[in-house]
């Protein structure tokens, strides 16, 4: 599996749409593959739970809430998505991130690290 970074657009707490980002990813299987795998998002380093994702400010303990969703080929989406696989074929999917508007957070750089699991 390969996954790119997920950069967000600039965040403005007063903008009604918040901020959005997208990572591209793909799954490839060499030989003996199951018909499908489940692509599942794990917790981040700063999360209170899987439903409360938070990025931490680079220079302070400030947190910024965000959401992640997997979008697979064929229209399936969520935090745990069944994805068909075939030997020798890279199957693409996207991870969409959204920072909800209205958060009072200091200006600066925020980050988190999330594990993506493949369940066979």
PDB file of N, CA and C in Angstrom:
ATOM      1  N   UNK A   1       0.844  -1.163   0.000  1.00  0.00           N
ATOM      2  CA  UNK A   1       0.000   0.000   0.000  1.00  0.00           C
ATOM      3  C   UNK A   1       0.894   1.232   0.000  1.00  0.00           C
ATOM      4  N   UNK A   2       0.506   2.223  -0.764  1.00  0.00           N
ATOM      5  CA  UNK A   2       1.184   3.511  -0.752  1.00  0.00           C
ATOM      6  C   UNK A   2       0.163   4.590  -0.408  1.00  0.00           C
ATOM      7  N   UNK A   3       0.601   5.599   0.350  1.00  0.00           N
ATOM      8  CA  UNK A   3      -0.267   6.708   0.732  1.00  0.00           C
ATOM      9  C   UNK A   3       0.541   7.994   0.665  1.00  0.00           C
ATOM     10  N   UNK A   4      -0.026   9.020   0.046  1.00  0.00           N
ATOM     11  CA  UNK A   4       0.630  10.329   0.015  1.00  0.00           C
ATOM     12  C   UNK A   4       0.267  11.098   1.287  1.00  0.00           C
ATOM     13  N   UNK A   5       0.940  12.221   1.521  1.00  0.00           N
ATOM     14  CA  UNK A   5       0.554  13.090   2.634  1.00  0.00           C
ATOM     15  C   UNK A   5      -0.802  13.716   2.366  1.00  0.00           C
ATOM     16  N   UNK A   6      -1.396  14.292   3.396  1.00  0.00           N
ATOM     17  CA  UNK A   6      -2.715  14.902   3.258  1.00  0.00           C
ATOM     18  C   UNK A   6      -2.632  16.372   3.679  1.00  0.00           C
ATOM     19  N   UNK A   7      -2.240  17.259   2.753  1.00  0.00           N
ATOM     20  CA  UNK A   7      -2.193  18.686   3.093  1.00  0.00           C
ATOM     21  C   UNK A   7      -3.594  19.297   3.036  1.00  0.00           C
ATOM     22  N   UNK A   8      -3.894  20.156   3.991  1.00  0.00           N
ATOM     23  CA  UNK A   8      -5.177  20.862   4.007  1.00  0.00           C
ATOM     24  C   UNK A   8      -5.025  22.226   3.347  1.00  0.00           C
ATOM     25  N   UNK A   9      -6.128  22.763   2.829  1.00  0.00           N
ATOM     26  CA  UNK A   9      -6.143  24.145   2.388  1.00  0.00           C
ATOM     27  C   UNK A   9      -6.027  25.027   3.633  1.00  0.00           C
ATOM     28  N   UNK A  10      -5.754  26.313   3.455  1.00  0.00           N
ATOM     29  CA  UNK A  10      -5.651  27.222   4.596  1.00  0.00           C
ATOM     30  C   UNK A  10      -6.958  27.257   5.371  1.00  0.00           C
ATOM     31  N   UNK A  11      -6.843  27.274   6.689  1.00  0.00           N
ATOM     32  CA  UNK A  11      -8.018  27.256   7.549  1.00  0.00           C
ATOM     33  C   UNK A  11      -8.374  28.659   8.013  1.00  0.00           C
ATOM     34  N   UNK A  12      -9.634  29.015   7.843  1.00  0.00           N
ATOM     35  CA  UNK A  12     -10.177  30.274   8.338  1.00  0.00           C
ATOM     36  C   UNK A  12     -11.383  29.925   9.185  1.00  0.00           C
ATOM     37  N   UNK A  13     -11.301  30.175  10.481  1.00  0.00           N
ATOM     38  CA  UNK A  13     -12.374  29.789  11.408  1.00  0.00           C
ATOM     39  C   UNK A  13     -13.705  30.437  11.064  1.00  0.00           C
ATOM     40  N   UNK A  14     -13.689  31.561  10.340  1.00  0.00           N
ATOM     41  CA  UNK A  14     -14.936  32.249  10.004  1.00  0.00           C
ATOM     42  C   UNK A  14     -15.526  31.788   8.676  1.00  0.00           C
ATOM     43  N   UNK A  15     -14.772  31.032   7.888  1.00  0.00           N
ATOM     44  CA  UNK A  15     -15.290  30.541   6.605  1.00  0.00           C
ATOM     45  C   UNK A  15     -16.295  29.416   6.858  1.00  0.00           C
ATOM     46  N   UNK A  16     -17.441  29.445   6.208  1.00  0.00           N
ATOM     47  CA  UNK A  16     -18.468  28.431   6.486  1.00  0.00           C
ATOM     48  C   UNK A  16     -18.065  27.002   6.124  1.00  0.00           C
ATOM     49  N   UNK A  17     -17.129  26.832   5.174  1.00  0.00           N
ATOM     50  CA  UNK A  17     -16.762  25.477   4.734  1.00  0.00           C
ATOM     51  C   UNK A  17     -15.548  24.903   5.451  1.00  0.00           C
ATOM     52  N   UNK A  18     -14.884  25.656   6.317  1.00  0.00           N
ATOM     53  CA  UNK A  18     -13.697  25.138   6.996  1.00  0.00           C
ATOM     54  C   UNK A  18     -12.565  24.937   6.004  1.00  0.00           C
ATOM     55  N   UNK A  19     -11.831  23.830   6.134  1.00  0.00           N
ATOM     56  CA  UNK A  19     -10.726  23.513   5.216  1.00  0.00           C
ATOM     57  C   UNK A  19     -10.833  22.051   4.792  1.00  0.00           C
ATOM     58  N   UNK A  20     -10.232  21.744   3.659  1.00  0.00           N
ATOM     59  CA  UNK A  20     -10.322  20.392   3.100  1.00  0.00           C
ATOM     60  C   UNK A  20      -8.949  19.966   2.587  1.00  0.00           C
ATOM     61  N   UNK A  21      -8.694  18.663   2.621  1.00  0.00           N
ATOM     62  CA  UNK A  21      -7.470  18.102   2.075  1.00  0.00           C
ATOM     63  C   UNK A  21      -7.746  16.726   1.508  1.00  0.00           C
ATOM     64  N   UNK A  22      -6.816  16.243   0.697  1.00  0.00           N
ATOM     65  CA  UNK A  22      -6.997  14.931   0.077  1.00  0.00           C
ATOM     66  C   UNK A  22      -5.656  14.229  -0.086  1.00  0.00           C
ATOM     67  N   UNK A  23      -5.625  12.951   0.251  1.00  0.00           N
ATOM     68  CA  UNK A  23      -4.460  12.105   0.025  1.00  0.00           C
ATOM     69  C   UNK A  23      -4.852  11.028  -0.981  1.00  0.00           C
ATOM     70  N   UNK A  24      -3.927  10.659  -1.839  1.00  0.00           N
ATOM     71  CA  UNK A  24      -4.165   9.548  -2.750  1.00  0.00           C
ATOM     72  C   UNK A  24      -3.449   8.319  -2.194  1.00  0.00           C
ATOM     73  N   UNK A  25      -4.034   7.184  -2.435  1.00  0.00           N
ATOM     74  CA  UNK A  25      -3.469   5.933  -1.940  1.00  0.00           C
ATOM     75  C   UNK A  25      -3.796   4.822  -2.929  1.00  0.00           C
ATOM     76  N   UNK A  26      -3.079   3.721  -2.810  1.00  0.00           N
ATOM     77  CA  UNK A  26      -3.398   2.554  -3.638  1.00  0.00           C
ATOM     78  C   UNK A  26      -2.968   1.284  -2.918  1.00  0.00           C
ATOM     79  N   UNK A  27      -3.653   0.218  -3.273  1.00  0.00           N
ATOM     80  CA  UNK A  27      -3.358  -1.113  -2.748  1.00  0.00           C
ATOM     81  C   UNK A  27      -2.947  -1.965  -3.932  1.00  0.00           C
ATOM     82  N   UNK A  28      -1.879  -2.730  -3.782  1.00  0.00           N
ATOM     83  CA  UNK A  28      -1.461  -3.663  -4.826  1.00  0.00           C
ATOM     84  C   UNK A  28      -1.082  -4.982  -4.173  1.00  0.00           C
ATOM     85  N   UNK A  29      -1.462  -6.060  -4.814  1.00  0.00           N
ATOM     86  CA  UNK A  29      -1.194  -7.398  -4.311  1.00  0.00           C
ATOM     87  C   UNK A  29      -0.434  -8.156  -5.399  1.00  0.00           C
ATOM     88  N   UNK A  30       0.659  -8.811  -5.023  1.00  0.00           N
ATOM     89  CA  UNK A  30       1.481  -9.488  -6.024  1.00  0.00           C
ATOM     90  C   UNK A  30       0.902 -10.814  -6.504  1.00  0.00           C
ATOM     91  N   UNK A  31       0.621 -11.728  -5.589  1.00  0.00           N
ATOM     92  CA  UNK A  31       0.207 -13.065  -6.015  1.00  0.00           C
ATOM     93  C   UNK A  31      -1.123 -13.501  -5.432  1.00  0.00           C
ATOM     94  N   UNK A  32      -1.078 -14.156  -4.306  1.00  0.00           N
ATOM     95  CA  UNK A  32      -2.255 -14.775  -3.710  1.00  0.00           C
ATOM     96  C   UNK A  32      -3.065 -13.743  -2.930  1.00  0.00           C
ATOM     97  N   UNK A  33      -4.113 -13.205  -3.542  1.00  0.00           N
ATOM     98  CA  UNK A  33      -4.909 -12.140  -2.939  1.00  0.00           C
ATOM     99  C   UNK A  33      -6.317 -12.631  -2.605  1.00  0.00           C
ATOM    100  N   UNK A  34      -6.878 -12.096  -1.525  1.00  0.00           N
ATOM    101  CA  UNK A  34      -8.303 -12.336  -1.308  1.00  0.00           C
ATOM    102  C   UNK A  34      -9.098 -11.502  -2.327  1.00  0.00           C
ATOM    103  N   UNK A  35     -10.380 -11.760  -2.448  1.00  0.00           N
ATOM    104  CA  UNK A  35     -11.212 -11.014  -3.389  1.00  0.00           C
ATOM    105  C   UNK A  35     -11.352  -9.551  -2.973  1.00  0.00           C
ATOM    106  N   UNK A  36     -11.305  -9.299  -1.665  1.00  0.00           N
ATOM    107  CA  UNK A  36     -11.371  -7.922  -1.188  1.00  0.00           C
ATOM    108  C   UNK A  36     -10.655  -7.791   0.141  1.00  0.00           C
ATOM    109  N   UNK A  37     -10.271  -6.560   0.453  1.00  0.00           N
ATOM    110  CA  UNK A  37      -9.718  -6.231   1.761  1.00  0.00           C
ATOM    111  C   UNK A  37     -10.553  -5.096   2.331  1.00  0.00           C
ATOM    112  N   UNK A  38     -10.475  -4.915   3.621  1.00  0.00           N
ATOM    113  CA  UNK A  38     -11.120  -3.779   4.271  1.00  0.00           C
ATOM    114  C   UNK A  38     -10.028  -2.747   4.540  1.00  0.00           C
ATOM    115  N   UNK A  39     -10.190  -1.554   3.999  1.00  0.00           N
ATOM    116  CA  UNK A  39      -9.279  -0.450   4.288  1.00  0.00           C
ATOM    117  C   UNK A  39      -9.889   0.299   5.457  1.00  0.00           C
ATOM    118  N   UNK A  40      -9.104   0.435   6.544  1.00  0.00           N
ATOM    119  CA  UNK A  40      -9.657   0.983   7.794  1.00  0.00           C
ATOM    120  C   UNK A  40      -8.703   2.029   8.364  1.00  0.00           C
ATOM    121  N   UNK A  41      -9.267   3.163   8.778  1.00  0.00           N
ATOM    122  CA  UNK A  41      -8.482   4.217   9.410  1.00  0.00           C
ATOM    123  C   UNK A  41      -8.350   3.936  10.893  1.00  0.00           C
ATOM    124  N   UNK A  42      -7.132   3.964  11.392  1.00  0.00           N
ATOM    125  CA  UNK A  42      -6.890   3.796  12.816  1.00  0.00           C
ATOM    126  C   UNK A  42      -6.877   5.145  13.516  1.00  0.00           C
ATOM    127  N   UNK A  43      -6.575   5.138  14.797  1.00  0.00           N
ATOM    128  CA  UNK A  43      -6.529   6.394  15.545  1.00  0.00           C
ATOM    129  C   UNK A  43      -5.288   7.204  15.179  1.00  0.00           C
ATOM    130  N   UNK A  44      -5.359   8.484  15.438  1.00  0.00           N
ATOM    131  CA  UNK A  44      -4.206   9.364  15.273  1.00  0.00           C
ATOM    132  C   UNK A  44      -3.464   9.499  16.590  1.00  0.00           C
ATOM    133  N   UNK A  45      -2.340  10.184  16.579  1.00  0.00           N
ATOM    134  CA  UNK A  45      -1.521  10.345  17.784  1.00  0.00           C
ATOM    135  C   UNK A  45      -2.192  11.231  18.832  1.00  0.00           C
ATOM    136  N   UNK A  46      -3.093  12.121  18.412  1.00  0.00           N
ATOM    137  CA  UNK A  46      -3.699  13.089  19.326  1.00  0.00           C
ATOM    138  C   UNK A  46      -5.183  12.854  19.547  1.00  0.00           C
ATOM    139  N   UNK A  47      -5.699  11.721  19.106  1.00  0.00           N
ATOM    140  CA  UNK A  47      -7.139  11.481  19.129  1.00  0.00           C
ATOM    141  C   UNK A  47      -7.642  11.050  20.497  1.00  0.00           C
ATOM    142  N   UNK A  48      -8.797  11.575  20.843  1.00  0.00           N
ATOM    143  CA  UNK A  48      -9.499  11.093  22.021  1.00  0.00           C
ATOM    144  C   UNK A  48     -10.213   9.778  21.672  1.00  0.00           C
ATOM    145  N   UNK A  49     -10.635   9.654  20.409  1.00  0.00           N
ATOM    146  CA  UNK A  49     -11.280   8.438  19.903  1.00  0.00           C
ATOM    147  C   UNK A  49     -11.257   8.500  18.376  1.00  0.00           C
ATOM    148  N   UNK A  50     -11.747   7.459  17.719  1.00  0.00           N
ATOM    149  CA  UNK A  50     -11.785   7.452  16.252  1.00  0.00           C
ATOM    150  C   UNK A  50     -12.739   8.503  15.709  1.00  0.00           C
ATOM    151  N   UNK A  51     -13.707   8.926  16.517  1.00  0.00           N
ATOM    152  CA  UNK A  51     -14.671   9.927  16.057  1.00  0.00           C
ATOM    153  C   UNK A  51     -14.290  11.335  16.474  1.00  0.00           C
ATOM    154  N   UNK A  52     -13.198  11.491  17.231  1.00  0.00           N
ATOM    155  CA  UNK A  52     -12.728  12.808  17.660  1.00  0.00           C
ATOM    156  C   UNK A  52     -11.256  12.975  17.290  1.00  0.00           C
ATOM    157  N   UNK A  53     -10.994  13.178  16.005  1.00  0.00           N
ATOM    158  CA  UNK A  53      -9.617  13.346  15.528  1.00  0.00           C
ATOM    159  C   UNK A  53      -9.149  14.770  15.803  1.00  0.00           C
ATOM    160  N   UNK A  54      -7.863  14.889  16.174  1.00  0.00           N
ATOM    161  CA  UNK A  54      -7.313  16.203  16.482  1.00  0.00           C
ATOM    162  C   UNK A  54      -5.865  16.298  16.003  1.00  0.00           C
ATOM    163  N   UNK A  55      -5.522  17.445  15.423  1.00  0.00           N
ATOM    164  CA  UNK A  55      -4.145  17.743  15.076  1.00  0.00           C
ATOM    165  C   UNK A  55      -3.566  18.635  16.176  1.00  0.00           C
ATOM    166  N   UNK A  56      -2.283  18.465  16.437  1.00  0.00           N
ATOM    167  CA  UNK A  56      -1.612  19.269  17.459  1.00  0.00           C
ATOM    168  C   UNK A  56      -0.777  20.365  16.795  1.00  0.00           C
ATOM    169  N   UNK A  57      -0.816  21.552  17.386  1.00  0.00           N
ATOM    170  CA  UNK A  57      -0.023  22.700  16.927  1.00  0.00           C
ATOM    171  C   UNK A  57       1.466  22.365  17.066  1.00  0.00           C
ATOM    172  N   UNK A  58       2.274  22.815  16.126  1.00  0.00           N
ATOM    173  CA  UNK A  58       3.711  22.491  16.121  1.00  0.00           C
ATOM    174  C   UNK A  58       4.460  23.081  17.314  1.00  0.00           C
ATOM    175  N   UNK A  59       4.001  24.221  17.843  1.00  0.00           N
ATOM    176  CA  UNK A  59       4.736  24.911  18.903  1.00  0.00           C
ATOM    177  C   UNK A  59       3.984  25.036  20.221  1.00  0.00           C
ATOM    178  N   UNK A  60       2.844  24.391  20.345  1.00  0.00           N
ATOM    179  CA  UNK A  60       2.078  24.483  21.595  1.00  0.00           C
ATOM    180  C   UNK A  60       1.223  23.226  21.749  1.00  0.00           C
ATOM    181  N   UNK A  61       0.413  23.197  22.785  1.00  0.00           N
ATOM    182  CA  UNK A  61      -0.495  22.065  23.011  1.00  0.00           C
ATOM    183  C   UNK A  61      -1.871  22.295  22.393  1.00  0.00           C
ATOM    184  N   UNK A  62      -2.027  23.356  21.596  1.00  0.00           N
ATOM    185  CA  UNK A  62      -3.318  23.646  20.966  1.00  0.00           C
ATOM    186  C   UNK A  62      -3.710  22.510  20.024  1.00  0.00           C
ATOM    187  N   UNK A  63      -5.006  22.209  19.977  1.00  0.00           N
ATOM    188  CA  UNK A  63      -5.529  21.135  19.127  1.00  0.00           C
ATOM    189  C   UNK A  63      -6.543  21.693  18.146  1.00  0.00           C
ATOM    190  N   UNK A  64      -6.624  21.079  16.984  1.00  0.00           N
ATOM    191  CA  UNK A  64      -7.571  21.454  15.940  1.00  0.00           C
ATOM    192  C   UNK A  64      -8.283  20.179  15.486  1.00  0.00           C
ATOM    193  N   UNK A  65      -9.602  20.140  15.645  1.00  0.00           N
ATOM    194  CA  UNK A  65     -10.388  18.953  15.284  1.00  0.00           C
ATOM    195  C   UNK A  65     -10.479  18.810  13.762  1.00  0.00           C
ATOM    196  N   UNK A  66     -10.525  17.552  13.314  1.00  0.00           N
ATOM    197  CA  UNK A  66     -10.694  17.283  11.887  1.00  0.00           C
ATOM    198  C   UNK A  66     -11.342  15.910  11.715  1.00  0.00           C
ATOM    199  N   UNK A  67     -11.830  15.637  10.505  1.00  0.00           N
ATOM    200  CA  UNK A  67     -12.459  14.359  10.177  1.00  0.00           C
ATOM    201  C   UNK A  67     -11.757  13.749   8.973  1.00  0.00           C
ATOM    202  N   UNK A  68     -11.763  12.418   8.901  1.00  0.00           N
ATOM    203  CA  UNK A  68     -11.220  11.700   7.756  1.00  0.00           C
ATOM    204  C   UNK A  68     -12.249  10.719   7.223  1.00  0.00           C
ATOM    205  N   UNK A  69     -12.248  10.547   5.911  1.00  0.00           N
ATOM    206  CA  UNK A  69     -13.121   9.584   5.240  1.00  0.00           C
ATOM    207  C   UNK A  69     -12.346   8.935   4.106  1.00  0.00           C
ATOM    208  N   UNK A  70     -12.514   7.639   3.936  1.00  0.00           N
ATOM    209  CA  UNK A  70     -11.948   6.924   2.790  1.00  0.00           C
ATOM    210  C   UNK A  70     -12.995   6.920   1.677  1.00  0.00           C
ATOM    211  N   UNK A  71     -12.559   7.201   0.452  1.00  0.00           N
ATOM    212  CA  UNK A  71     -13.435   7.072  -0.717  1.00  0.00           C
ATOM    213  C   UNK A  71     -12.786   6.078  -1.670  1.00  0.00           C
ATOM    214  N   UNK A  72     -13.444   4.940  -1.869  1.00  0.00           N
ATOM    215  CA  UNK A  72     -12.920   3.877  -2.727  1.00  0.00           C
ATOM    216  C   UNK A  72     -13.593   3.919  -4.091  1.00  0.00           C
ATOM    217  N   UNK A  73     -12.967   3.227  -5.043  1.00  0.00           N
ATOM    218  CA  UNK A  73     -13.593   3.090  -6.358  1.00  0.00           C
ATOM    219  C   UNK A  73     -14.947   2.416  -6.189  1.00  0.00           C
ATOM    220  N   UNK A  74     -15.904   2.798  -6.995  1.00  0.00           N
ATOM    221  CA  UNK A  74     -17.226   2.215  -6.899  1.00  0.00           C
ATOM    222  C   UNK A  74     -18.142   2.982  -5.955  1.00  0.00           C
ATOM    223  N   UNK A  75     -17.625   4.040  -5.306  1.00  0.00           N
ATOM    224  CA  UNK A  75     -18.475   4.901  -4.502  1.00  0.00           C
ATOM    225  C   UNK A  75     -18.544   4.606  -3.024  1.00  0.00           C
ATOM    226  N   UNK A  76     -17.927   3.522  -2.543  1.00  0.00           N
ATOM    227  CA  UNK A  76     -17.967   3.231  -1.109  1.00  0.00           C
ATOM    228  C   UNK A  76     -17.175   4.293  -0.356  1.00  0.00           C
ATOM    229  N   UNK A  77     -17.700   4.726   0.800  1.00  0.00           N
ATOM    230  CA  UNK A  77     -16.969   5.701   1.612  1.00  0.00           C
ATOM    231  C   UNK A  77     -17.264   5.472   3.086  1.00  0.00           C
ATOM    232  N   UNK A  78     -16.356   5.943   3.935  1.00  0.00           N
ATOM    233  CA  UNK A  78     -16.482   5.809   5.381  1.00  0.00           C
ATOM    234  C   UNK A  78     -15.108   5.692   6.008  1.00  0.00           C
ATOM    235  N   UNK A  79     -15.043   5.238   7.254  1.00  0.00           N
ATOM    236  CA  UNK A  79     -13.753   5.055   7.917  1.00  0.00           C
ATOM    237  C   UNK A  79     -13.277   3.614   7.838  1.00  0.00           C
ATOM    238  N   UNK A  80     -14.127   2.719   7.328  1.00  0.00           N
ATOM    239  CA  UNK A  80     -13.793   1.321   7.107  1.00  0.00           C
ATOM    240  C   UNK A  80     -14.515   0.885   5.832  1.00  0.00           C
ATOM    241  N   UNK A  81     -13.747   0.645   4.753  1.00  0.00           N
ATOM    242  CA  UNK A  81     -14.354   0.453   3.438  1.00  0.00           C
ATOM    243  C   UNK A  81     -13.873  -0.840   2.792  1.00  0.00           C
ATOM    244  N   UNK A  82     -14.815  -1.732   2.367  1.00  0.00           N
ATOM    245  CA  UNK A  82     -14.404  -2.918   1.616  1.00  0.00           C
ATOM    246  C   UNK A  82     -13.914  -2.504   0.223  1.00  0.00           C
ATOM    247  N   UNK A  83     -12.776  -3.071  -0.194  1.00  0.00           N
ATOM    248  CA  UNK A  83     -12.164  -2.702  -1.465  1.00  0.00           C
ATOM    249  C   UNK A  83     -11.759  -3.969  -2.209  1.00  0.00           C
ATOM    250  N   UNK A  84     -12.247  -4.159  -3.452  1.00  0.00           N
ATOM    251  CA  UNK A  84     -11.837  -5.336  -4.220  1.00  0.00           C
ATOM    252  C   UNK A  84     -10.374  -5.237  -4.628  1.00  0.00           C
ATOM    253  N   UNK A  85      -9.680  -6.373  -4.660  1.00  0.00           N
ATOM    254  CA  UNK A  85      -8.283  -6.409  -5.104  1.00  0.00           C
ATOM    255  C   UNK A  85      -8.083  -7.516  -6.125  1.00  0.00           C
ATOM    256  N   UNK A  86      -7.083  -7.331  -6.979  1.00  0.00           N
ATOM    257  CA  UNK A  86      -6.720  -8.323  -7.991  1.00  0.00           C
ATOM    258  C   UNK A  86      -5.204  -8.420  -8.040  1.00  0.00           C
ATOM    259  N   UNK A  87      -4.656  -9.618  -8.254  1.00  0.00           N
ATOM    260  CA  UNK A  87      -3.199  -9.745  -8.355  1.00  0.00           C
ATOM    261  C   UNK A  87      -2.635  -8.851  -9.458  1.00  0.00           C
ATOM    262  N   UNK A  88      -1.587  -8.099  -9.125  1.00  0.00           N
ATOM    263  CA  UNK A  88      -0.895  -7.278 -10.103  1.00  0.00           C
ATOM    264  C   UNK A  88      -1.581  -5.988 -10.505  1.00  0.00           C
ATOM    265  N   UNK A  89      -2.716  -5.650  -9.883  1.00  0.00           N
ATOM    266  CA  UNK A  89      -3.446  -4.440 -10.247  1.00  0.00           C
ATOM    267  C   UNK A  89      -3.480  -3.492  -9.053  1.00  0.00           C
ATOM    268  N   UNK A  90      -2.992  -2.259  -9.235  1.00  0.00           N
ATOM    269  CA  UNK A  90      -3.051  -1.259  -8.169  1.00  0.00           C
ATOM    270  C   UNK A  90      -4.461  -0.677  -8.106  1.00  0.00           C
ATOM    271  N   UNK A  91      -5.070  -0.743  -6.940  1.00  0.00           N
ATOM    272  CA  UNK A  91      -6.433  -0.242  -6.746  1.00  0.00           C
ATOM    273  C   UNK A  91      -6.333   1.105  -6.016  1.00  0.00           C
ATOM    274  N   UNK A  92      -6.740   2.202  -6.662  1.00  0.00           N
ATOM    275  CA  UNK A  92      -6.627   3.516  -6.019  1.00  0.00           C
ATOM    276  C   UNK A  92      -7.799   3.812  -5.082  1.00  0.00           C
ATOM    277  N   UNK A  93      -7.540   4.630  -4.088  1.00  0.00           N
ATOM    278  CA  UNK A  93      -8.594   5.205  -3.253  1.00  0.00           C
ATOM    279  C   UNK A  93      -8.097   6.531  -2.714  1.00  0.00           C
ATOM    280  N   UNK A  94      -9.001   7.307  -2.147  1.00  0.00           N
ATOM    281  CA  UNK A  94      -8.640   8.620  -1.611  1.00  0.00           C
ATOM    282  C   UNK A  94      -8.978   8.674  -0.129  1.00  0.00           C
ATOM    283  N   UNK A  95      -8.213   9.468   0.595  1.00  0.00           N
ATOM    284  CA  UNK A  95      -8.532   9.779   1.985  1.00  0.00           C
ATOM    285  C   UNK A  95      -8.815  11.278   2.025  1.00  0.00           C
ATOM    286  N   UNK A  96     -10.034  11.626   2.392  1.00  0.00           N
ATOM    287  CA  UNK A  96     -10.484  13.009   2.402  1.00  0.00           C
ATOM    288  C   UNK A  96     -10.461  13.523   3.842  1.00  0.00           C
ATOM    289  N   UNK A  97      -9.878  14.687   4.036  1.00  0.00           N
ATOM    290  CA  UNK A  97      -9.841  15.315   5.351  1.00  0.00           C
ATOM    291  C   UNK A  97     -10.618  16.618   5.348  1.00  0.00           C
ATOM    292  N   UNK A  98     -11.324  16.891   6.446  1.00  0.00           N
ATOM    293  CA  UNK A  98     -12.089  18.130   6.591  1.00  0.00           C
ATOM    294  C   UNK A  98     -11.837  18.695   7.982  1.00  0.00           C
ATOM    295  N   UNK A  99     -11.506  19.977   8.039  1.00  0.00           N
ATOM    296  CA  UNK A  99     -11.406  20.694   9.310  1.00  0.00           C
ATOM    297  C   UNK A  99     -12.679  21.526   9.427  1.00  0.00           C
ATOM    298  N   UNK A 100     -13.566  21.208  10.378  1.00  0.00           N
ATOM    299  CA  UNK A 100     -14.807  21.970  10.505  1.00  0.00           C
ATOM    300  C   UNK A 100     -14.541  23.434  10.873  1.00  0.00           C
ATOM    301  N   UNK A 101     -15.386  24.317  10.387  1.00  0.00           N
ATOM    302  CA  UNK A 101     -15.230  25.741  10.678  1.00  0.00           C
ATOM    303  C   UNK A 101     -15.624  26.051  12.122  1.00  0.00           C
ATOM    304  N   UNK A 102     -15.322  27.266  12.558  1.00  0.00           N
ATOM    305  CA  UNK A 102     -15.752  27.745  13.861  1.00  0.00           C
ATOM    306  C   UNK A 102     -14.853  27.380  15.029  1.00  0.00           C
ATOM    307  N   UNK A 103     -13.673  26.822  14.783  1.00  0.00           N
ATOM    308  CA  UNK A 103     -12.776  26.450  15.880  1.00  0.00           C
ATOM    309  C   UNK A 103     -11.846  27.613  16.213  1.00  0.00           C
ATOM    310  N   UNK A 104     -11.704  27.874  17.478  1.00  0.00           N
ATOM    311  CA  UNK A 104     -10.816  28.941  17.944  1.00  0.00           C
ATOM    312  C   UNK A 104      -9.444  28.325  18.188  1.00  0.00           C
ATOM    313  N   UNK A 105      -8.554  28.439  17.201  1.00  0.00           N
ATOM    314  CA  UNK A 105      -7.237  27.810  17.288  1.00  0.00           C
ATOM    315  C   UNK A 105      -6.170  28.811  16.892  1.00  0.00           C
ATOM    316  N   UNK A 106      -4.998  28.785  17.548  1.00  0.00           N
ATOM    317  CA  UNK A 106      -3.919  29.697  17.187  1.00  0.00           C
ATOM    318  C   UNK A 106      -3.409  29.442  15.763  1.00  0.00           C
ATOM    319  N   UNK A 107      -2.930  30.484  15.130  1.00  0.00           N
ATOM    320  CA  UNK A 107      -2.327  30.368  13.799  1.00  0.00           C
ATOM    321  C   UNK A 107      -1.056  29.541  13.918  1.00  0.00           C
ATOM    322  N   UNK A 108      -0.804  28.700  12.931  1.00  0.00           N
ATOM    323  CA  UNK A 108       0.420  27.915  12.925  1.00  0.00           C
ATOM    324  C   UNK A 108       0.249  26.613  12.186  1.00  0.00           C
ATOM    325  N   UNK A 109       1.242  25.786  12.319  1.00  0.00           N
ATOM    326  CA  UNK A 109       1.267  24.483  11.647  1.00  0.00           C
ATOM    327  C   UNK A 109       0.745  23.411  12.591  1.00  0.00           C
ATOM    328  N   UNK A 110      -0.164  22.565  12.086  1.00  0.00           N
ATOM    329  CA  UNK A 110      -0.759  21.472  12.853  1.00  0.00           C
ATOM    330  C   UNK A 110      -0.484  20.160  12.137  1.00  0.00           C
ATOM    331  N   UNK A 111      -0.380  19.081  12.899  1.00  0.00           N
ATOM    332  CA  UNK A 111      -0.164  17.776  12.256  1.00  0.00           C
ATOM    333  C   UNK A 111      -0.687  16.658  13.141  1.00  0.00           C
ATOM    334  N   UNK A 112      -0.852  15.519  12.517  1.00  0.00           N
ATOM    335  CA  UNK A 112      -1.231  14.280  13.188  1.00  0.00           C
ATOM    336  C   UNK A 112      -0.680  13.145  12.342  1.00  0.00           C
ATOM    337  N   UNK A 113      -0.604  11.972  12.893  1.00  0.00           N
ATOM    338  CA  UNK A 113      -0.182  10.776  12.167  1.00  0.00           C
ATOM    339  C   UNK A 113      -1.249   9.706  12.404  1.00  0.00           C
ATOM    340  N   UNK A 114      -1.757   9.148  11.318  1.00  0.00           N
ATOM    341  CA  UNK A 114      -2.830   8.156  11.377  1.00  0.00           C
ATOM    342  C   UNK A 114      -2.359   6.879  10.708  1.00  0.00           C
ATOM    343  N   UNK A 115      -2.662   5.752  11.305  1.00  0.00           N
ATOM    344  CA  UNK A 115      -2.355   4.456  10.706  1.00  0.00           C
ATOM    345  C   UNK A 115      -3.523   4.001   9.844  1.00  0.00           C
ATOM    346  N   UNK A 116      -3.213   3.519   8.645  1.00  0.00           N
ATOM    347  CA  UNK A 116      -4.230   2.937   7.760  1.00  0.00           C
ATOM    348  C   UNK A 116      -4.017   1.429   7.786  1.00  0.00           C
ATOM    349  N   UNK A 117      -5.062   0.678   8.125  1.00  0.00           N
ATOM    350  CA  UNK A 117      -4.979  -0.772   8.224  1.00  0.00           C
ATOM    351  C   UNK A 117      -5.609  -1.446   7.013  1.00  0.00           C
ATOM    352  N   UNK A 118      -5.074  -2.602   6.648  1.00  0.00           N
ATOM    353  CA  UNK A 118      -5.689  -3.483   5.654  1.00  0.00           C
ATOM    354  C   UNK A 118      -6.094  -4.764   6.368  1.00  0.00           C
ATOM    355  N   UNK A 119      -7.376  -5.036   6.412  1.00  0.00           N
ATOM    356  CA  UNK A 119      -7.881  -6.262   7.037  1.00  0.00           C
ATOM    357  C   UNK A 119      -8.235  -7.254   5.936  1.00  0.00           C
ATOM    358  N   UNK A 120      -7.605  -8.444   5.982  1.00  0.00           N
ATOM    359  CA  UNK A 120      -7.850  -9.480   4.965  1.00  0.00           C
ATOM    360  C   UNK A 120      -8.884 -10.451   5.446  1.00  0.00           C
TER     361      UNK A 120
END
